Amino acid sequence: MFNKYWREYPWFFQLVQFVLLVFVCLAFFSVISIFVLPLITGISPTTLQEFSFDSSPSERINMYIVVAVGQVGMFLIPSALFAYAAHPK
C-alpha cells in the first residue's frame, strides 16, 4: 500500500498521514521529555509540574529544554519527515 511517494495519494489521505505522524511524534517526544530529560537535567517530574516564574534560573533553563524538545518533536520533526516522504529527493 505504501510503495509510492506520499504526494501521489489523495490530499485527504496525505492529511491523515500527517496528523498520524504528528501524534506519533508527539507521543514519542512526550515520553522522552518526561522520562529521559529528567535523568539528563537532574530534575524530577514533580519539579517540572511546580514550575513558576519565581523558580531558580537552573530550573527555568531545564524547563525551557523540556519545552524545546517537545516543540521540536511536535512541529519540526513531523514536518521534515512528511516532506521527505512526499518528496524524497
N, C-alpha and C. Protein backbone atom coordinates (compact mmCIF):
# COMPACT_ATOMS: atom_id res chain seq x y z
N MET A 1 0.81 -1.19 0.00
CA MET A 1 0.00 0.00 0.00
C MET A 1 0.86 1.26 0.00
N PHE A 2 1.94 1.27 0.77
CA PHE A 2 2.77 2.47 0.88
C PHE A 2 4.04 2.33 0.04
N ASN A 3 3.89 1.85 -1.19
CA ASN A 3 5.06 1.65 -2.03
C ASN A 3 5.27 2.78 -3.04
N LYS A 4 4.64 3.94 -2.83
CA LYS A 4 4.85 5.08 -3.71
C LYS A 4 4.98 6.34 -2.85
N TYR A 5 5.39 7.42 -3.48
CA TYR A 5 5.55 8.67 -2.73
C TYR A 5 4.21 9.14 -2.18
N TRP A 6 4.25 9.81 -1.05
CA TRP A 6 3.02 10.26 -0.41
C TRP A 6 2.30 11.31 -1.25
N ARG A 7 3.02 12.03 -2.11
CA ARG A 7 2.37 13.07 -2.91
C ARG A 7 1.43 12.47 -3.96
N GLU A 8 1.55 11.18 -4.23
CA GLU A 8 0.69 10.53 -5.22
C GLU A 8 -0.65 10.10 -4.63
N TYR A 9 -0.80 10.18 -3.32
CA TYR A 9 -2.08 9.84 -2.68
C TYR A 9 -3.01 11.05 -2.70
N PRO A 10 -4.31 10.84 -2.54
CA PRO A 10 -5.24 11.99 -2.47
C PRO A 10 -4.92 12.89 -1.28
N TRP A 11 -5.34 14.15 -1.36
CA TRP A 11 -5.00 15.14 -0.34
C TRP A 11 -5.52 14.74 1.03
N PHE A 12 -6.71 14.12 1.08
CA PHE A 12 -7.26 13.75 2.38
C PHE A 12 -6.42 12.68 3.05
N PHE A 13 -5.95 11.71 2.26
CA PHE A 13 -5.11 10.66 2.82
C PHE A 13 -3.76 11.22 3.27
N GLN A 14 -3.23 12.19 2.54
CA GLN A 14 -1.99 12.86 2.97
C GLN A 14 -2.20 13.59 4.29
N LEU A 15 -3.34 14.22 4.44
CA LEU A 15 -3.65 14.92 5.69
C LEU A 15 -3.74 13.94 6.85
N VAL A 16 -4.38 12.81 6.63
CA VAL A 16 -4.48 11.78 7.67
C VAL A 16 -3.09 11.26 8.03
N GLN A 17 -2.25 11.02 7.04
CA GLN A 17 -0.89 10.57 7.31
C GLN A 17 -0.11 11.59 8.12
N PHE A 18 -0.26 12.86 7.78
CA PHE A 18 0.46 13.90 8.50
C PHE A 18 -0.02 14.01 9.94
N VAL A 19 -1.33 13.96 10.15
CA VAL A 19 -1.87 14.04 11.51
C VAL A 19 -1.41 12.85 12.34
N LEU A 20 -1.42 11.66 11.76
CA LEU A 20 -0.92 10.48 12.48
C LEU A 20 0.57 10.62 12.80
N LEU A 21 1.32 11.14 11.87
CA LEU A 21 2.75 11.36 12.10
C LEU A 21 2.98 12.35 13.23
N VAL A 22 2.18 13.41 13.29
CA VAL A 22 2.29 14.39 14.37
C VAL A 22 1.98 13.73 15.71
N PHE A 23 0.91 12.94 15.77
CA PHE A 23 0.55 12.31 17.04
C PHE A 23 1.58 11.27 17.49
N VAL A 24 2.14 10.53 16.56
CA VAL A 24 3.18 9.55 16.92
C VAL A 24 4.42 10.27 17.45
N CYS A 25 4.84 11.33 16.77
CA CYS A 25 6.00 12.09 17.24
C CYS A 25 5.71 12.79 18.56
N LEU A 26 4.49 13.29 18.73
CA LEU A 26 4.11 13.91 19.99
C LEU A 26 4.19 12.92 21.13
N ALA A 27 3.67 11.71 20.92
CA ALA A 27 3.73 10.69 21.97
C ALA A 27 5.17 10.30 22.27
N PHE A 28 5.97 10.11 21.24
CA PHE A 28 7.37 9.71 21.43
C PHE A 28 8.16 10.77 22.19
N PHE A 29 8.05 12.02 21.77
CA PHE A 29 8.82 13.07 22.41
C PHE A 29 8.25 13.46 23.77
N SER A 30 6.98 13.20 24.01
CA SER A 30 6.43 13.40 25.36
C SER A 30 7.05 12.40 26.33
N VAL A 31 7.17 11.16 25.89
CA VAL A 31 7.81 10.15 26.73
C VAL A 31 9.26 10.52 26.98
N ILE A 32 9.94 10.98 25.95
CA ILE A 32 11.34 11.39 26.13
C ILE A 32 11.44 12.56 27.09
N SER A 33 10.57 13.54 26.94
CA SER A 33 10.68 14.72 27.81
C SER A 33 10.27 14.41 29.24
N ILE A 34 9.42 13.41 29.46
CA ILE A 34 9.00 13.08 30.81
C ILE A 34 9.99 12.15 31.50
N PHE A 35 10.54 11.18 30.78
CA PHE A 35 11.37 10.17 31.43
C PHE A 35 12.87 10.34 31.21
N VAL A 36 13.28 10.78 30.05
CA VAL A 36 14.72 10.84 29.74
C VAL A 36 15.33 12.18 30.14
N LEU A 37 14.66 13.28 29.84
CA LEU A 37 15.23 14.59 30.16
C LEU A 37 15.44 14.82 31.65
N PRO A 38 14.55 14.35 32.53
CA PRO A 38 14.88 14.49 33.96
C PRO A 38 16.15 13.75 34.37
N LEU A 39 16.45 12.65 33.70
CA LEU A 39 17.71 11.96 34.00
C LEU A 39 18.90 12.78 33.54
N ILE A 40 18.76 13.47 32.43
CA ILE A 40 19.85 14.28 31.90
C ILE A 40 20.03 15.57 32.69
N THR A 41 18.91 16.24 32.97
CA THR A 41 18.99 17.54 33.63
C THR A 41 19.06 17.45 35.15
N GLY A 42 18.66 16.32 35.73
CA GLY A 42 18.74 16.15 37.17
C GLY A 42 17.55 16.70 37.94
N ILE A 43 16.45 16.95 37.27
CA ILE A 43 15.26 17.43 37.98
C ILE A 43 14.17 16.37 37.88
N SER A 44 13.28 16.36 38.85
CA SER A 44 12.23 15.36 38.88
C SER A 44 10.99 15.87 38.13
N PRO A 45 10.12 14.95 37.71
CA PRO A 45 8.89 15.39 37.05
C PRO A 45 8.00 16.24 37.95
N THR A 46 8.05 16.04 39.27
CA THR A 46 7.25 16.88 40.16
C THR A 46 7.77 18.31 40.18
N THR A 47 9.07 18.48 40.03
CA THR A 47 9.63 19.83 39.95
C THR A 47 9.16 20.52 38.67
N LEU A 48 9.03 19.76 37.59
CA LEU A 48 8.52 20.34 36.35
C LEU A 48 7.08 20.80 36.51
N GLN A 49 6.30 20.08 37.30
CA GLN A 49 4.90 20.46 37.50
C GLN A 49 4.77 21.70 38.37
N GLU A 50 5.73 21.93 39.25
CA GLU A 50 5.68 23.07 40.16
C GLU A 50 6.41 24.29 39.60
N PHE A 51 6.68 24.28 38.33
CA PHE A 51 7.43 25.37 37.70
C PHE A 51 6.64 26.67 37.75
N SER A 52 7.32 27.76 38.08
CA SER A 52 6.73 29.09 38.03
C SER A 52 7.83 30.08 37.64
N PHE A 53 7.45 31.32 37.44
CA PHE A 53 8.44 32.33 37.07
C PHE A 53 9.32 32.72 38.25
N ASP A 54 8.94 32.29 39.45
CA ASP A 54 9.77 32.54 40.62
C ASP A 54 10.79 31.43 40.85
N SER A 55 10.83 30.44 39.98
CA SER A 55 11.77 29.33 40.13
C SER A 55 13.19 29.82 39.90
N SER A 56 14.13 29.00 40.33
CA SER A 56 15.54 29.37 40.17
C SER A 56 15.91 29.35 38.68
N PRO A 57 16.97 30.06 38.32
CA PRO A 57 17.38 30.09 36.91
C PRO A 57 17.72 28.71 36.34
N SER A 58 18.30 27.83 37.15
CA SER A 58 18.62 26.50 36.63
C SER A 58 17.34 25.70 36.35
N GLU A 59 16.33 25.86 37.21
CA GLU A 59 15.05 25.18 36.95
C GLU A 59 14.38 25.74 35.70
N ARG A 60 14.50 27.04 35.49
CA ARG A 60 13.92 27.64 34.29
C ARG A 60 14.60 27.14 33.03
N ILE A 61 15.92 27.05 33.07
CA ILE A 61 16.66 26.54 31.91
C ILE A 61 16.26 25.10 31.61
N ASN A 62 16.13 24.29 32.66
CA ASN A 62 15.72 22.90 32.46
C ASN A 62 14.31 22.82 31.88
N MET A 63 13.43 23.67 32.35
CA MET A 63 12.07 23.68 31.81
C MET A 63 12.07 24.13 30.35
N TYR A 64 12.89 25.10 30.01
CA TYR A 64 12.99 25.54 28.62
C TYR A 64 13.52 24.41 27.72
N ILE A 65 14.42 23.60 28.24
CA ILE A 65 14.92 22.46 27.48
C ILE A 65 13.80 21.47 27.21
N VAL A 66 13.00 21.19 28.24
CA VAL A 66 11.87 20.26 28.09
C VAL A 66 10.88 20.80 27.06
N VAL A 67 10.57 22.08 27.13
CA VAL A 67 9.64 22.69 26.18
C VAL A 67 10.22 22.67 24.77
N ALA A 68 11.50 22.96 24.64
CA ALA A 68 12.13 22.97 23.31
C ALA A 68 12.10 21.59 22.68
N VAL A 69 12.39 20.56 23.46
CA VAL A 69 12.35 19.19 22.93
C VAL A 69 10.93 18.84 22.50
N GLY A 70 9.96 19.21 23.29
CA GLY A 70 8.57 18.95 22.93
C GLY A 70 8.14 19.67 21.67
N GLN A 71 8.54 20.93 21.53
CA GLN A 71 8.17 21.70 20.35
C GLN A 71 8.85 21.17 19.09
N VAL A 72 10.11 20.83 19.20
CA VAL A 72 10.82 20.25 18.05
C VAL A 72 10.17 18.93 17.67
N GLY A 73 9.83 18.12 18.68
CA GLY A 73 9.21 16.83 18.40
C GLY A 73 7.82 16.93 17.83
N MET A 74 7.12 18.02 18.14
CA MET A 74 5.75 18.14 17.64
C MET A 74 5.66 18.88 16.31
N PHE A 75 6.53 19.82 16.06
CA PHE A 75 6.40 20.64 14.86
C PHE A 75 7.48 20.39 13.82
N LEU A 76 8.73 20.41 14.20
CA LEU A 76 9.82 20.35 13.23
C LEU A 76 10.01 18.95 12.65
N ILE A 77 10.11 17.96 13.49
CA ILE A 77 10.40 16.60 13.01
C ILE A 77 9.27 16.02 12.17
N PRO A 78 7.98 16.12 12.60
CA PRO A 78 6.93 15.60 11.71
C PRO A 78 6.88 16.30 10.36
N SER A 79 7.10 17.60 10.35
CA SER A 79 7.09 18.33 9.08
C SER A 79 8.23 17.88 8.18
N ALA A 80 9.40 17.71 8.76
CA ALA A 80 10.55 17.26 7.97
C ALA A 80 10.35 15.84 7.46
N LEU A 81 9.82 14.96 8.30
CA LEU A 81 9.57 13.58 7.86
C LEU A 81 8.51 13.51 6.77
N PHE A 82 7.46 14.32 6.92
CA PHE A 82 6.42 14.33 5.89
C PHE A 82 6.96 14.89 4.58
N ALA A 83 7.76 15.93 4.66
CA ALA A 83 8.35 16.49 3.44
C ALA A 83 9.25 15.48 2.76
N TYR A 84 10.01 14.72 3.54
CA TYR A 84 10.86 13.70 2.95
C TYR A 84 10.03 12.57 2.34
N ALA A 85 8.95 12.17 3.01
CA ALA A 85 8.11 11.09 2.48
C ALA A 85 7.37 11.53 1.22
N ALA A 86 7.04 12.81 1.13
CA ALA A 86 6.34 13.31 -0.05
C ALA A 86 7.29 13.55 -1.22
N HIS A 87 8.48 14.07 -0.93
CA HIS A 87 9.47 14.40 -1.96
C HIS A 87 10.84 13.93 -1.47
N PRO A 88 11.18 12.66 -1.64
CA PRO A 88 12.41 12.12 -1.04
C PRO A 88 13.72 12.59 -1.66
N LYS A 89 13.72 13.34 -2.73
CA LYS A 89 14.98 13.76 -3.33
C LYS A 89 15.55 14.95 -2.64
